[in-house]
Protein backbone atom coordinates (compact mmCIF):
# COMPACT_ATOMS: atom_id res chain seq x y z
CA UNK A 1 0.00 0.00 0.00
CA UNK A 2 2.86 2.40 0.78
CA UNK A 3 4.40 1.74 -2.64
CA UNK A 4 1.18 2.66 -4.44
CA UNK A 5 0.78 5.80 -2.34
CA UNK A 6 4.39 6.81 -3.06
CA UNK A 7 3.88 6.34 -6.79
CA UNK A 8 0.68 8.40 -6.70
CA UNK A 9 2.45 11.26 -4.88
CA UNK A 10 5.30 11.29 -7.42
CA UNK A 11 2.81 11.25 -10.33
CA UNK A 12 0.85 14.19 -8.86
CA UNK A 13 4.01 16.23 -8.22
CA UNK A 14 5.32 15.58 -11.73
CA UNK A 15 1.95 16.44 -13.25
CA UNK A 16 1.65 19.81 -11.53
CA UNK A 17 5.21 20.84 -12.31
CA UNK A 18 6.51 20.82 -8.72
CA UNK A 19 9.77 19.19 -9.89
CA UNK A 20 10.18 21.54 -12.87
CA UNK A 21 8.17 22.93 -15.73
CA UNK A 22 5.18 20.76 -16.65
CA UNK A 23 4.97 19.11 -20.08
CA UNK A 24 2.51 20.97 -22.33
CA UNK A 25 0.48 18.66 -24.55
CA UNK A 26 0.32 19.43 -28.27
CA UNK A 27 -1.99 18.22 -31.01
CA UNK A 28 -2.33 18.81 -34.74
CA UNK A 29 -5.15 17.81 -37.10
CA UNK A 30 -5.29 18.41 -40.84
CA UNK A 31 -6.03 17.20 -44.33
CA UNK A 32 -3.52 16.27 -47.00
CA UNK A 33 -4.32 16.34 -50.72
CA UNK A 34 -2.32 13.96 -52.90
CA UNK A 35 -2.56 11.34 -55.67
CA UNK A 36 -4.54 9.02 -53.36
CA UNK A 37 -7.12 11.75 -52.70
CA UNK A 38 -7.78 13.54 -49.43
CA UNK A 39 -6.07 11.95 -46.42
CA UNK A 40 -6.59 13.02 -42.80
CA UNK A 41 -3.43 13.70 -40.78
CA UNK A 42 -2.98 13.87 -37.02
CA UNK A 43 -0.17 14.12 -34.48
CA UNK A 44 0.03 14.29 -30.70
CA UNK A 45 2.92 15.04 -28.42
CA UNK A 46 4.33 17.15 -25.66
CA UNK A 47 6.59 20.17 -25.23
CA UNK A 48 8.89 20.88 -22.31
CA UNK A 49 11.14 23.90 -22.84
CA UNK A 50 13.10 23.53 -26.08
CA UNK A 51 12.29 19.79 -26.39
CA UNK A 52 9.27 18.61 -28.40
CA UNK A 53 8.23 14.98 -28.79
CA UNK A 54 5.55 14.18 -31.37
CA UNK A 55 3.91 11.03 -32.77
CA UNK A 56 2.20 11.07 -36.17
CA UNK A 57 -0.98 9.01 -36.31
C-alpha atoms as a PDB file:
ATOM      1  CA  UNK A   1       0.000   0.000   0.000  1.00  0.00           C
ATOM      2  CA  UNK A   2       2.856   2.397   0.777  1.00  0.00           C
ATOM      3  CA  UNK A   3       4.400   1.742  -2.641  1.00  0.00           C
ATOM      4  CA  UNK A   4       1.182   2.656  -4.440  1.00  0.00           C
ATOM      5  CA  UNK A   5       0.780   5.799  -2.338  1.00  0.00           C
ATOM      6  CA  UNK A   6       4.392   6.814  -3.061  1.00  0.00           C
ATOM      7  CA  UNK A   7       3.881   6.338  -6.792  1.00  0.00           C
ATOM      8  CA  UNK A   8       0.679   8.403  -6.695  1.00  0.00           C
ATOM      9  CA  UNK A   9       2.453  11.261  -4.881  1.00  0.00           C
ATOM     10  CA  UNK A  10       5.303  11.288  -7.420  1.00  0.00           C
ATOM     11  CA  UNK A  11       2.811  11.253 -10.328  1.00  0.00           C
ATOM     12  CA  UNK A  12       0.854  14.188  -8.860  1.00  0.00           C
ATOM     13  CA  UNK A  13       4.007  16.233  -8.219  1.00  0.00           C
ATOM     14  CA  UNK A  14       5.321  15.577 -11.733  1.00  0.00           C
ATOM     15  CA  UNK A  15       1.946  16.438 -13.252  1.00  0.00           C
ATOM     16  CA  UNK A  16       1.650  19.807 -11.530  1.00  0.00           C
ATOM     17  CA  UNK A  17       5.210  20.842 -12.312  1.00  0.00           C
ATOM     18  CA  UNK A  18       6.510  20.818  -8.722  1.00  0.00           C
ATOM     19  CA  UNK A  19       9.767  19.193  -9.893  1.00  0.00           C
ATOM     20  CA  UNK A  20      10.182  21.539 -12.874  1.00  0.00           C
ATOM     21  CA  UNK A  21       8.168  22.934 -15.732  1.00  0.00           C
ATOM     22  CA  UNK A  22       5.177  20.761 -16.655  1.00  0.00           C
ATOM     23  CA  UNK A  23       4.970  19.113 -20.077  1.00  0.00           C
ATOM     24  CA  UNK A  24       2.515  20.971 -22.330  1.00  0.00           C
ATOM     25  CA  UNK A  25       0.475  18.659 -24.551  1.00  0.00           C
ATOM     26  CA  UNK A  26       0.324  19.429 -28.265  1.00  0.00           C
ATOM     27  CA  UNK A  27      -1.991  18.215 -31.012  1.00  0.00           C
ATOM     28  CA  UNK A  28      -2.327  18.813 -34.740  1.00  0.00           C
ATOM     29  CA  UNK A  29      -5.150  17.812 -37.098  1.00  0.00           C
ATOM     30  CA  UNK A  30      -5.291  18.407 -40.836  1.00  0.00           C
ATOM     31  CA  UNK A  31      -6.031  17.196 -44.329  1.00  0.00           C
ATOM     32  CA  UNK A  32      -3.521  16.274 -47.001  1.00  0.00           C
ATOM     33  CA  UNK A  33      -4.317  16.340 -50.720  1.00  0.00           C
ATOM     34  CA  UNK A  34      -2.325  13.956 -52.902  1.00  0.00           C
ATOM     35  CA  UNK A  35      -2.561  11.344 -55.674  1.00  0.00           C
ATOM     36  CA  UNK A  36      -4.537   9.022 -53.364  1.00  0.00           C
ATOM     37  CA  UNK A  37      -7.117  11.746 -52.701  1.00  0.00           C
ATOM     38  CA  UNK A  38      -7.779  13.540 -49.434  1.00  0.00           C
ATOM     39  CA  UNK A  39      -6.071  11.947 -46.423  1.00  0.00           C
ATOM     40  CA  UNK A  40      -6.586  13.023 -42.804  1.00  0.00           C
ATOM     41  CA  UNK A  41      -3.425  13.701 -40.781  1.00  0.00           C
ATOM     42  CA  UNK A  42      -2.977  13.872 -37.022  1.00  0.00           C
ATOM     43  CA  UNK A  43      -0.174  14.119 -34.478  1.00  0.00           C
ATOM     44  CA  UNK A  44       0.025  14.288 -30.702  1.00  0.00           C
ATOM     45  CA  UNK A  45       2.924  15.042 -28.416  1.00  0.00           C
ATOM     46  CA  UNK A  46       4.335  17.151 -25.662  1.00  0.00           C
ATOM     47  CA  UNK A  47       6.595  20.168 -25.228  1.00  0.00           C
ATOM     48  CA  UNK A  48       8.890  20.882 -22.314  1.00  0.00           C
ATOM     49  CA  UNK A  49      11.135  23.898 -22.836  1.00  0.00           C
ATOM     50  CA  UNK A  50      13.103  23.530 -26.075  1.00  0.00           C
ATOM     51  CA  UNK A  51      12.293  19.794 -26.386  1.00  0.00           C
ATOM     52  CA  UNK A  52       9.274  18.610 -28.401  1.00  0.00           C
ATOM     53  CA  UNK A  53       8.229  14.980 -28.793  1.00  0.00           C
ATOM     54  CA  UNK A  54       5.548  14.179 -31.369  1.00  0.00           C
ATOM     55  CA  UNK A  55       3.909  11.030 -32.772  1.00  0.00           C
ATOM     56  CA  UNK A  56       2.196  11.067 -36.167  1.00  0.00           C
ATOM     57  CA  UNK A  57      -0.976   9.006 -36.310  1.00  0.00           C
END
